[in-house]
Amino acid sequence: MRPLRTGPLTVETVTVPIRDLPQRLEGCRIVQLSDFHYDGQRLSTGLLQQAIDRVNELAPDLIALTGDYVTRNPAPIFDLVTYLSQLKSRFGTVAVLGNHDNVTKKGRKTILRSLQQAGICVLWNEIAYPLGDDLPVVGLADFWSKEFQPAPLLDSLPPTQPRLVLSHNPDSAELLAAWRVDLQLSGHTHGGQVVLPGIGPMSALLQSLQLSVLPKLPFDLPFLKRKRNRAKIVRHWEWVSGLHAVGQNQLYVNRGLGSYAPGRLGCPPEVTVLKLVRG
């Protein structure tokens, strides 16, 4: 990626009120990274190192990684973990996988094992307690995976207990609205990748045209055929980035560091700092 096209790496700081947050965790800071797509093309080692250095300068309490470490071939994970192993925080690093990490079961196992060997707690339909027993972290299988099974995990938690959920695809927030999710961390959208000044993410605009305008036309427009389904990437483009309310739940979507076709324009890579407060 080229900074002149994407914009420089940004640190987004967000304060998130959490109901029933333990007093001892008031002001707890979670730093999120997402969507590396580390494959030799879509994320430079310079930007990767810059992001890791920035995270360490922030001295967070916990680091959360929300998937898509590679693009298709799992082999680059071996180089990526040499960088990720540099991450430092008070309570360690938790992670989930994305759809690109789950192309094959063998590849998924390679990525899981490599991240674990780097000291990262990788969750695939599991619960961890890096912040203590009173604030569980639920890590889900990728939303497109047949193994995405939130019910057994979320049903096992007392309804009065606050919890954080890591789920790569923000579309999962629609289904997860059936449970208490005080804060869901997701990625996947890359912030829309192409963001037009004064208009917003191009993907959201194109999807709006496909849903509202194209069905009324007697012909197809170039590059906007009605048969194309941009919801294959994500359905809820209104959650393309930032903090959102989904029913009673809260969802934060990180723009990610890497890219995918057709590349990024006007969409800076992101490090997120989420400050938890009682609310």
Protein backbone atom coordinates (compact mmCIF):
# COMPACT_ATOMS: atom_id res chain seq x y z
CA MET A 1 0.00 0.00 0.00
CA ARG A 2 1.11 3.56 -0.64
CA PRO A 3 0.49 6.16 2.10
CA LEU A 4 -0.22 8.88 -0.45
CA ARG A 5 -3.19 6.82 -1.64
CA THR A 6 -4.42 5.36 1.62
CA GLY A 7 -3.41 8.01 4.12
CA PRO A 8 -0.97 7.40 7.00
CA LEU A 9 -1.50 4.90 9.80
CA THR A 10 -4.02 6.33 12.27
CA VAL A 11 -4.69 5.60 15.92
CA GLU A 12 -8.41 5.74 16.66
CA THR A 13 -9.23 6.19 20.36
CA VAL A 14 -12.76 5.29 21.47
CA THR A 15 -14.31 5.33 24.95
CA VAL A 16 -16.78 2.47 25.42
CA PRO A 17 -19.20 2.33 28.39
CA ILE A 18 -19.64 -1.20 29.75
CA ARG A 19 -22.56 -2.02 32.02
CA ASP A 20 -21.46 -3.82 35.22
CA LEU A 21 -17.79 -3.30 34.38
CA PRO A 22 -15.72 -4.24 37.46
CA GLN A 23 -14.36 -1.17 39.22
CA ARG A 24 -10.80 -2.49 38.92
CA LEU A 25 -11.12 -2.42 35.09
CA GLU A 26 -12.25 1.20 34.89
CA GLY A 27 -10.06 2.78 32.21
CA CYS A 28 -8.80 -0.58 30.89
CA ARG A 29 -7.37 -0.10 27.40
CA ILE A 30 -7.69 -2.72 24.67
CA VAL A 31 -5.76 -2.20 21.44
CA GLN A 32 -7.12 -3.86 18.30
CA LEU A 33 -5.37 -4.81 15.06
CA SER A 34 -7.08 -6.55 12.17
CA ASP A 35 -6.87 -7.74 8.55
CA PHE A 36 -3.14 -7.96 7.91
CA HIS A 37 -3.36 -9.87 4.60
CA TYR A 38 0.37 -10.41 4.94
CA ASP A 39 1.28 -12.05 1.64
CA GLY A 40 4.11 -9.93 0.25
CA GLN A 41 1.77 -7.67 -1.72
CA ARG A 42 -0.93 -6.11 0.46
CA LEU A 43 0.96 -5.05 3.59
CA SER A 44 4.51 -3.72 3.65
CA THR A 45 6.83 -4.81 6.44
CA GLY A 46 7.46 -1.13 7.08
CA LEU A 47 3.81 -0.43 7.84
CA LEU A 48 3.51 -3.63 9.85
CA GLN A 49 6.51 -2.69 12.02
CA GLN A 50 5.18 0.85 12.39
CA ALA A 51 1.85 -0.49 13.65
CA ILE A 52 3.51 -2.86 16.13
CA ASP A 53 5.80 -0.11 17.43
CA ARG A 54 2.79 2.17 17.87
CA VAL A 55 0.90 -0.50 19.79
CA ASN A 56 3.83 -1.05 22.14
CA GLU A 57 4.19 2.71 22.70
CA LEU A 58 0.55 2.76 23.83
CA ALA A 59 1.32 0.17 26.55
CA PRO A 60 -2.18 -1.40 26.43
CA ASP A 61 -3.72 -3.69 29.00
CA LEU A 62 -4.79 -6.19 26.34
CA ILE A 63 -4.27 -6.64 22.60
CA ALA A 64 -6.99 -8.11 20.37
CA LEU A 65 -6.35 -9.42 16.84
CA THR A 66 -9.45 -9.98 14.72
CA GLY A 67 -8.36 -12.14 11.83
CA ASP A 68 -7.23 -12.41 8.21
CA TYR A 69 -3.51 -12.73 8.91
CA VAL A 70 -2.85 -14.08 5.40
CA THR A 71 -4.77 -13.90 2.13
CA ARG A 72 -4.85 -17.46 0.84
CA ASN A 73 -1.52 -19.26 1.17
CA PRO A 74 -0.84 -19.86 4.90
CA ALA A 75 2.97 -19.86 4.47
CA PRO A 76 3.46 -16.10 5.14
CA ILE A 77 2.21 -16.65 8.69
CA PHE A 78 5.72 -17.89 9.60
CA ASP A 79 7.19 -14.46 8.82
CA LEU A 80 4.21 -12.56 10.23
CA VAL A 81 4.47 -14.14 13.68
CA THR A 82 8.04 -12.91 14.03
CA TYR A 83 6.53 -9.41 14.05
CA LEU A 84 3.44 -10.26 16.11
CA SER A 85 5.64 -11.83 18.79
CA GLN A 86 6.99 -8.32 19.46
CA LEU A 87 3.59 -7.14 20.75
CA LYS A 88 3.59 -6.23 24.43
CA SER A 89 0.69 -5.65 26.80
CA ARG A 90 -0.14 -6.12 30.45
CA PHE A 91 -2.43 -9.13 29.97
CA GLY A 92 -1.20 -10.53 26.66
CA THR A 93 -2.80 -10.94 23.24
CA VAL A 94 -6.05 -12.69 22.28
CA ALA A 95 -7.04 -13.46 18.72
CA VAL A 96 -9.60 -15.00 16.39
CA LEU A 97 -9.28 -16.10 12.78
CA GLY A 98 -10.92 -14.66 9.68
CA ASN A 99 -12.34 -16.18 6.52
CA HIS A 100 -8.98 -15.95 4.71
CA ASP A 101 -7.37 -17.95 7.51
CA ASN A 102 -9.90 -20.72 7.02
CA VAL A 103 -9.51 -21.50 3.31
CA THR A 104 -8.44 -25.07 4.14
CA LYS A 105 -8.50 -26.97 7.42
CA LYS A 106 -4.78 -27.72 7.09
CA GLY A 107 -4.02 -24.04 6.52
CA ARG A 108 -6.14 -23.08 9.51
CA LYS A 109 -4.21 -25.48 11.75
CA THR A 110 -0.92 -24.03 10.52
CA ILE A 111 -2.03 -20.49 11.32
CA LEU A 112 -3.44 -21.46 14.71
CA ARG A 113 -0.27 -23.30 15.70
CA SER A 114 2.01 -20.48 14.52
CA LEU A 115 0.10 -17.82 16.45
CA GLN A 116 0.06 -19.98 19.57
CA GLN A 117 3.81 -20.55 19.33
CA ALA A 118 4.19 -16.75 19.28
CA GLY A 119 2.45 -16.61 22.67
CA ILE A 120 -0.92 -15.48 21.31
CA CYS A 121 -4.13 -16.91 22.80
CA VAL A 122 -6.14 -17.92 19.73
CA LEU A 123 -9.84 -18.61 20.29
CA TRP A 124 -12.01 -20.73 17.98
CA ASN A 125 -15.37 -21.00 19.75
CA GLU A 126 -13.67 -20.62 23.12
CA ILE A 127 -13.73 -18.36 26.18
CA ALA A 128 -10.62 -16.88 27.81
CA TYR A 129 -10.20 -14.76 30.93
CA PRO A 130 -7.10 -12.59 30.39
CA LEU A 131 -8.74 -9.69 32.26
CA GLY A 132 -10.07 -11.86 35.10
CA ASP A 133 -13.06 -14.10 35.78
CA ASP A 134 -15.47 -11.16 35.84
CA LEU A 135 -14.89 -10.08 32.20
CA PRO A 136 -14.71 -13.07 29.85
CA VAL A 137 -13.45 -12.75 26.28
CA VAL A 138 -15.44 -14.89 23.84
CA GLY A 139 -13.66 -15.77 20.60
CA LEU A 140 -15.82 -17.16 17.81
CA ALA A 141 -15.10 -19.21 14.72
CA ASP A 142 -15.36 -17.23 11.50
CA PHE A 143 -18.93 -16.30 10.63
CA TRP A 144 -18.73 -18.04 7.24
CA SER A 145 -17.46 -21.22 8.81
CA LYS A 146 -19.82 -24.11 9.47
CA GLU A 147 -18.28 -24.16 12.95
CA PHE A 148 -19.61 -20.71 13.91
CA GLN A 149 -21.51 -21.66 17.07
CA PRO A 150 -22.05 -18.79 19.52
CA ALA A 151 -24.96 -20.30 21.46
CA PRO A 152 -23.11 -22.82 23.66
CA LEU A 153 -20.56 -20.18 24.68
CA LEU A 154 -22.86 -17.24 25.31
CA ASP A 155 -25.55 -19.36 26.97
CA SER A 156 -22.93 -20.60 29.43
CA LEU A 157 -22.31 -17.08 30.79
CA PRO A 158 -24.52 -15.51 33.47
CA PRO A 159 -26.76 -12.84 31.86
CA THR A 160 -25.61 -10.33 34.48
CA GLN A 161 -21.95 -10.74 33.52
CA PRO A 162 -20.37 -8.31 31.05
CA ARG A 163 -18.41 -9.87 28.21
CA LEU A 164 -16.29 -9.00 25.19
CA VAL A 165 -16.72 -10.88 21.90
CA LEU A 166 -14.19 -11.22 19.09
CA SER A 167 -15.78 -12.10 15.75
CA HIS A 168 -14.02 -11.32 12.46
CA ASN A 169 -17.10 -10.54 10.36
CA PRO A 170 -19.32 -7.68 11.65
CA ASP A 171 -22.37 -9.27 10.01
CA SER A 172 -22.33 -11.70 12.94
CA ALA A 173 -23.54 -8.84 15.18
CA GLU A 174 -27.03 -9.23 13.73
CA LEU A 175 -27.24 -12.82 14.97
CA LEU A 176 -25.41 -12.04 18.22
CA ALA A 177 -28.06 -9.44 19.10
CA ALA A 178 -29.98 -12.34 20.65
CA TRP A 179 -27.42 -12.36 23.50
CA ARG A 180 -25.76 -9.82 25.68
CA VAL A 181 -22.60 -8.56 23.96
CA ASP A 182 -21.19 -5.53 25.74
CA LEU A 183 -18.54 -5.01 23.07
CA GLN A 184 -17.92 -6.94 19.86
CA LEU A 185 -14.65 -6.38 18.01
CA SER A 186 -14.62 -7.11 14.28
CA GLY A 187 -12.73 -6.29 11.09
CA HIS A 188 -13.27 -7.82 7.62
CA THR A 189 -14.55 -4.70 5.80
CA HIS A 190 -11.18 -2.91 5.43
CA GLY A 191 -13.18 0.28 6.03
CA GLY A 192 -14.68 -0.10 2.56
CA GLN A 193 -11.16 0.17 1.04
CA VAL A 194 -12.12 2.94 -1.42
CA VAL A 195 -13.48 6.00 0.40
CA LEU A 196 -14.59 9.04 -1.59
CA PRO A 197 -14.32 12.48 0.08
CA GLY A 198 -17.73 13.77 1.08
CA ILE A 199 -19.41 10.55 -0.06
CA GLY A 200 -17.97 7.71 1.98
CA PRO A 201 -17.07 4.09 1.22
CA MET A 202 -17.59 3.17 -2.43
CA SER A 203 -18.75 -0.35 -1.52
CA ALA A 204 -21.62 1.00 0.57
CA LEU A 205 -22.62 3.35 -2.26
CA LEU A 206 -22.58 0.57 -4.86
CA GLN A 207 -24.60 -1.71 -2.64
CA SER A 208 -27.17 1.04 -2.12
CA LEU A 209 -27.44 1.50 -5.90
CA GLN A 210 -27.87 -2.23 -6.43
CA LEU A 211 -30.63 -2.45 -3.85
CA SER A 212 -32.53 0.74 -4.64
CA VAL A 213 -31.81 1.97 -8.17
CA LEU A 214 -30.81 -0.95 -10.40
CA PRO A 215 -33.95 -3.07 -9.85
CA LYS A 216 -36.00 -0.20 -11.33
CA LEU A 217 -33.93 0.10 -14.52
CA PRO A 218 -34.76 -1.95 -17.64
CA PHE A 219 -31.03 -2.46 -18.33
CA ASP A 220 -27.73 -3.03 -16.50
CA LEU A 221 -25.16 -0.30 -16.00
CA PRO A 222 -21.45 -1.01 -16.66
CA PHE A 223 -19.78 -2.61 -13.62
CA LEU A 224 -23.09 -2.65 -11.73
CA LYS A 225 -24.90 -5.72 -12.99
CA ARG A 226 -27.91 -6.63 -10.90
CA LYS A 227 -26.74 -10.22 -10.59
CA ARG A 228 -23.66 -9.16 -8.64
CA ASN A 229 -24.07 -9.42 -4.91
CA ARG A 230 -21.82 -7.18 -2.86
CA ALA A 231 -23.41 -8.68 0.25
CA LYS A 232 -21.12 -11.65 -0.40
CA ILE A 233 -18.39 -9.56 1.25
CA VAL A 234 -20.53 -8.09 4.00
CA ARG A 235 -24.24 -7.43 4.24
CA HIS A 236 -24.25 -4.55 6.70
CA TRP A 237 -22.12 -1.90 5.02
CA GLU A 238 -23.59 0.59 7.47
CA TRP A 239 -21.18 -1.02 9.96
CA VAL A 240 -18.19 -0.53 7.66
CA SER A 241 -16.01 1.03 10.40
CA GLY A 242 -16.18 2.60 13.83
CA LEU A 243 -18.48 2.11 16.83
CA HIS A 244 -22.11 1.10 16.31
CA ALA A 245 -25.11 0.18 18.42
CA VAL A 246 -26.71 -3.11 17.39
CA GLY A 247 -29.83 -3.38 19.49
CA GLN A 248 -28.58 -3.28 23.09
CA ASN A 249 -25.09 -4.41 22.02
CA GLN A 250 -22.03 -2.46 20.87
CA LEU A 251 -19.90 -3.26 17.83
CA TYR A 252 -16.55 -1.79 16.83
CA VAL A 253 -15.23 -2.43 13.30
CA ASN A 254 -11.52 -1.85 12.67
CA ARG A 255 -10.42 -0.75 9.15
CA GLY A 256 -7.46 -3.15 9.20
CA LEU A 257 -3.86 -2.80 8.06
CA GLY A 258 -3.78 -4.72 4.78
CA SER A 259 -5.85 -4.71 1.63
CA TYR A 260 -7.47 -6.79 -1.08
CA ALA A 261 -8.50 -6.16 -4.68
CA PRO A 262 -8.98 -3.45 -5.92
CA GLY A 263 -6.78 -1.89 -3.21
CA ARG A 264 -7.21 1.00 -0.78
CA LEU A 265 -7.81 4.66 -1.57
CA GLY A 266 -8.53 7.35 1.00
CA CYS A 267 -8.88 4.69 3.69
CA PRO A 268 -6.04 4.84 6.25
CA PRO A 269 -4.88 1.67 8.01
CA GLU A 270 -5.90 1.64 11.66
CA VAL A 271 -4.76 0.87 15.19
CA THR A 272 -7.68 1.11 17.62
CA VAL A 273 -7.53 1.97 21.30
CA LEU A 274 -10.73 1.06 23.15
CA LYS A 275 -10.96 2.53 26.65
CA LEU A 276 -13.48 0.74 28.85
CA VAL A 277 -15.44 2.78 31.40
CA ARG A 278 -18.30 1.93 33.74
CA GLY A 279 -21.64 2.74 32.19
